Protein backbone atom coordinates (compact mmCIF):
# COMPACT_ATOMS: atom_id res chain seq x y z
CA UNK A 1 11.80 6.09 -9.07
CA UNK A 2 9.81 7.43 -12.00
CA UNK A 3 9.05 11.15 -12.03
CA UNK A 4 7.49 11.19 -15.47
CA UNK A 5 5.61 14.38 -16.33
CA UNK A 6 2.62 13.81 -18.58
CA UNK A 7 -0.62 15.37 -19.72
CA UNK A 8 -2.15 11.89 -19.67
CA UNK A 9 -3.23 9.55 -16.91
CA UNK A 10 -0.27 7.34 -16.04
CA UNK A 11 -0.36 3.58 -15.62
CA UNK A 12 -0.83 3.01 -11.85
CA UNK A 13 1.74 0.22 -11.71
CA UNK A 14 4.45 1.52 -14.02
CA UNK A 15 3.90 5.26 -14.35
CA UNK A 16 3.31 6.38 -10.77
CA UNK A 17 6.08 6.85 -8.20
CA UNK A 18 5.87 4.75 -5.03
CA UNK A 19 6.74 7.88 -3.08
CA UNK A 20 9.74 10.04 -2.22
CA UNK A 21 10.05 8.69 1.35
CA UNK A 22 9.78 4.98 0.56
CA UNK A 23 9.97 2.63 2.48
CA UNK A 24 9.08 4.72 5.57
CA UNK A 25 6.09 6.14 3.72
CA UNK A 26 4.67 4.84 0.47
CA UNK A 27 2.07 5.86 -2.06
CA UNK A 28 -0.44 3.02 -2.32
CA UNK A 29 -2.83 2.53 -5.23
CA UNK A 30 -6.18 1.29 -3.89
CA UNK A 31 -8.16 -1.18 -5.97
CA UNK A 32 -10.76 -2.43 -3.46
CA UNK A 33 -12.80 -1.31 -0.47
CA UNK A 34 -14.23 -3.44 2.37
CA UNK A 35 -17.72 -2.71 1.01
CA UNK A 36 -17.05 -4.04 -2.48
CA UNK A 37 -19.16 -7.04 -3.46
CA UNK A 38 -17.01 -7.79 -6.50
CA UNK A 39 -13.25 -8.14 -6.85
CA UNK A 40 -11.49 -5.35 -8.71
CA UNK A 41 -7.89 -5.40 -9.85
CA UNK A 42 -5.78 -3.30 -12.15
CA UNK A 43 -5.52 -4.56 -15.71
CA UNK A 44 -1.77 -4.95 -16.17
CA UNK A 45 -1.78 -4.02 -19.85
CA UNK A 46 -4.06 -0.98 -19.89
CA UNK A 47 -3.87 0.29 -16.31
CA UNK A 48 -7.65 0.47 -16.04
CA UNK A 49 -9.48 -1.16 -13.16
CA UNK A 50 -11.00 -4.45 -14.27
CA UNK A 51 -13.91 -6.22 -12.60
CA UNK A 52 -12.21 -9.55 -12.02
CA UNK A 53 -15.03 -11.59 -10.50
CA UNK A 54 -17.94 -11.36 -8.06
CA UNK A 55 -17.15 -11.97 -4.42
CA UNK A 56 -18.71 -15.40 -4.15
CA UNK A 57 -19.21 -15.49 -0.40
CA UNK A 58 -20.04 -13.24 2.51
CA UNK A 59 -16.47 -12.53 3.64
CA UNK A 60 -15.05 -9.16 2.69
CA UNK A 61 -11.54 -7.79 3.03
CA UNK A 62 -11.58 -5.82 6.30
CA UNK A 63 -9.31 -3.09 4.94
CA UNK A 64 -8.58 -1.06 1.86
CA UNK A 65 -6.61 -3.23 -0.56
CA UNK A 66 -4.24 -2.43 -3.39
CA UNK A 67 -0.57 -2.41 -4.30
CA UNK A 68 2.63 -0.37 -4.20
CA UNK A 69 3.55 1.07 -7.62
CA UNK A 70 6.84 0.03 -9.23
CA UNK A 71 7.19 -3.08 -7.09
CA UNK A 72 7.28 -6.69 -8.30
CA UNK A 73 7.28 -10.04 -6.57
CA UNK A 74 9.95 -11.98 -8.41
CA UNK A 75 13.12 -13.93 -7.70
CA UNK A 76 14.36 -11.74 -4.84
CA UNK A 77 11.02 -11.79 -3.03
CA UNK A 78 10.94 -15.58 -3.47
CA UNK A 79 14.45 -15.91 -2.03
CA UNK A 80 13.55 -13.67 0.92
CA UNK A 81 10.56 -15.91 1.65
CA UNK A 82 12.63 -19.10 1.41
CA UNK A 83 15.32 -17.64 3.69
CA UNK A 84 12.69 -16.75 6.31
CA UNK A 85 10.67 -19.96 6.16
CA UNK A 86 13.20 -22.63 5.19
CA UNK A 87 10.87 -23.71 2.37
CA UNK A 88 12.13 -24.60 -1.09
CA UNK A 89 10.93 -24.07 -4.65
CA UNK A 90 9.10 -20.84 -3.85
CA UNK A 91 8.45 -18.37 -6.67
CA UNK A 92 7.29 -14.78 -6.68
CA UNK A 93 3.65 -14.40 -7.72
CA UNK A 94 4.53 -12.08 -10.61
CA UNK A 95 2.39 -9.20 -9.34
CA UNK A 96 3.11 -5.86 -7.67
CA UNK A 97 3.47 -6.03 -3.88
CA UNK A 98 0.04 -6.11 -2.21
CA UNK A 99 -0.86 -3.71 0.58
CA UNK A 100 -3.72 -3.53 3.09
CA UNK A 101 -4.42 -0.04 4.44
CA UNK A 102 -6.13 0.57 7.78
CA UNK A 103 -8.10 3.76 8.23
CA UNK A 104 -11.01 5.10 10.25
CA UNK A 105 -12.03 7.39 7.37
CA UNK A 106 -14.97 6.48 5.17
CA UNK A 107 -13.41 5.92 1.74
CA UNK A 108 -16.19 5.61 -0.82
CA UNK A 109 -14.38 4.42 -3.96
CA UNK A 110 -11.17 2.80 -5.12
CA UNK A 111 -8.89 3.71 -8.04
CA UNK A 112 -7.14 6.27 -5.82
CA UNK A 113 -3.67 7.01 -4.47
CA UNK A 114 -2.97 7.60 -0.78
CA UNK A 115 0.09 8.17 1.38
CA UNK A 116 0.46 5.39 3.94
CA UNK A 117 2.90 4.22 6.61
CA UNK A 118 3.88 0.52 6.63
CA UNK A 119 3.58 -1.06 10.09
CA UNK A 120 4.06 -4.74 9.25
CA UNK A 121 2.83 -7.55 7.06
CA UNK A 122 1.80 -11.15 6.64
CA UNK A 123 4.00 -13.75 4.95
CA UNK A 124 1.52 -15.54 2.75
CA UNK A 125 2.30 -18.43 0.42
CA UNK A 126 -0.28 -19.36 -2.21
CA UNK A 127 0.61 -22.86 -3.42
CA UNK A 128 4.31 -22.26 -4.10
CA UNK A 129 4.14 -18.49 -4.65
CA UNK A 130 5.30 -15.79 -2.24
CA UNK A 131 2.36 -13.40 -1.89
CA UNK A 132 3.18 -11.04 0.99
CA UNK A 133 0.54 -8.63 2.26
CA UNK A 134 2.04 -5.40 3.60
CA UNK A 135 -0.11 -3.79 6.29
CA UNK A 136 -0.10 0.00 6.55
CA UNK A 137 -2.05 2.83 8.11
CA UNK A 138 -3.32 5.92 6.34
CA UNK A 139 -0.90 8.72 7.13
CA UNK A 140 -2.41 11.08 9.71
CA UNK A 141 -5.43 8.86 10.39
CA UNK A 142 -7.28 10.00 13.53
CA UNK A 143 -7.56 6.46 14.98
CA UNK A 144 -4.72 4.42 13.47
CA UNK A 145 -2.28 7.25 12.76
CA UNK A 146 -0.25 6.81 15.95
CA UNK A 147 0.60 3.16 15.23
CA UNK A 148 4.22 2.57 14.27
CA UNK A 149 4.29 -1.23 14.33
CA UNK A 150 1.81 -4.04 13.80
CA UNK A 151 2.05 -4.95 17.48
CA UNK A 152 0.21 -1.69 18.23
CA UNK A 153 -2.71 -2.88 16.12
CA UNK A 154 -5.67 -4.76 17.67
CA UNK A 155 -5.05 -8.49 17.38
CA UNK A 156 -8.66 -9.10 16.31
CA UNK A 157 -8.19 -6.90 13.24
CA UNK A 158 -5.04 -8.76 12.19
CA UNK A 159 -6.88 -12.05 12.72
CA UNK A 160 -9.69 -10.83 10.45
CA UNK A 161 -7.15 -10.05 7.73
CA UNK A 162 -5.56 -13.48 8.16
CA UNK A 163 -8.94 -15.21 8.02
CA UNK A 164 -9.95 -13.35 4.87
CA UNK A 165 -6.84 -14.25 2.90
CA UNK A 166 -6.89 -17.85 4.10
CA UNK A 167 -10.52 -18.39 3.10
CA UNK A 168 -11.49 -16.06 0.25
CA UNK A 169 -10.73 -18.69 -2.41
CA UNK A 170 -12.35 -21.60 -0.58
CA UNK A 171 -15.45 -23.10 -2.22
CA UNK A 172 -18.19 -24.83 -0.18
CA UNK A 173 -17.83 -28.62 -0.22
CA UNK A 174 -14.44 -28.29 -1.92
CA UNK A 175 -12.55 -31.52 -1.32
CA UNK A 176 -9.16 -29.98 -2.06
CA UNK A 177 -9.12 -26.40 -0.73
CA UNK A 178 -6.50 -24.00 -2.12
CA UNK A 179 -3.06 -24.44 -0.58
CA UNK A 180 -2.81 -21.02 1.03
CA UNK A 181 -0.89 -20.49 4.25
CA UNK A 182 0.27 -17.57 6.35
CA UNK A 183 3.56 -18.59 7.89
CA UNK A 184 3.93 -15.53 10.08
CA UNK A 185 3.19 -11.90 10.85
CA UNK A 186 6.10 -9.45 10.89
CA UNK A 187 6.69 -5.91 12.05
CA UNK A 188 7.50 -2.60 10.40
CA UNK A 189 11.22 -3.17 10.00
CA UNK A 190 10.78 -6.37 8.00
CA UNK A 191 7.91 -4.88 6.00
CA UNK A 192 10.24 -2.10 4.87
CA UNK A 193 12.87 -4.67 3.91
CA UNK A 194 10.34 -6.52 1.77
CA UNK A 195 9.26 -3.29 0.08
CA UNK A 196 12.89 -2.57 -0.82
CA UNK A 197 13.34 -6.11 -2.17
CA UNK A 198 10.19 -5.74 -4.28
CA UNK A 199 11.48 -2.41 -5.64
CA UNK A 200 14.67 -4.17 -6.75
CA UNK A 201 12.69 -7.05 -8.29
CA UNK A 202 10.79 -4.43 -10.28
CA UNK A 203 14.00 -2.83 -11.56
CA UNK A 204 15.28 -6.26 -12.57
CA UNK A 205 12.03 -7.14 -14.36
CA UNK A 206 11.47 -3.75 -16.01
CA UNK A 207 14.96 -2.22 -16.42
CA UNK A 208 13.72 0.51 -18.77
């Protein structure tokens, strides 16, 4: 893991450590809040937050949303997905590993780092790309902090997350909706495996 010391702001994907206790605890970089009416994402080249597009419809992500630094969804993530689902010709989506963070605290802006505890995830496939969503809780949260596995989380909240990711690209009257599916929800142990696989994919992609 990178422990670069610098007088400058580091790139949130490449320059920041994912945490010293990973995968049991991770440092997540938050791009978006549930209240955001536009979609933000990190610009891969500069590291700045880019306004990607307006949120076209009324659905909003019901959690904080971002990624785990120094992770990458490449060949190993794709193989993990194929091994679990039996599907073929899956690729990694070429992005850092996404993470949804549950908290009862009122977070007012993104572009921040926070220590979180992975409790599970959703195995999402967008067309033919593995696009897992790790689900975590803010470390020490007064409401969610006791949860150690996704099965401790209210089912309605997980269903809201599933609904958001299955529908946020769907256009009204679209004859051919995007081919997005969630093939399963998994617990903390598998989420930590996927984080470790994504860390290795990152080392393979960016060996320097």
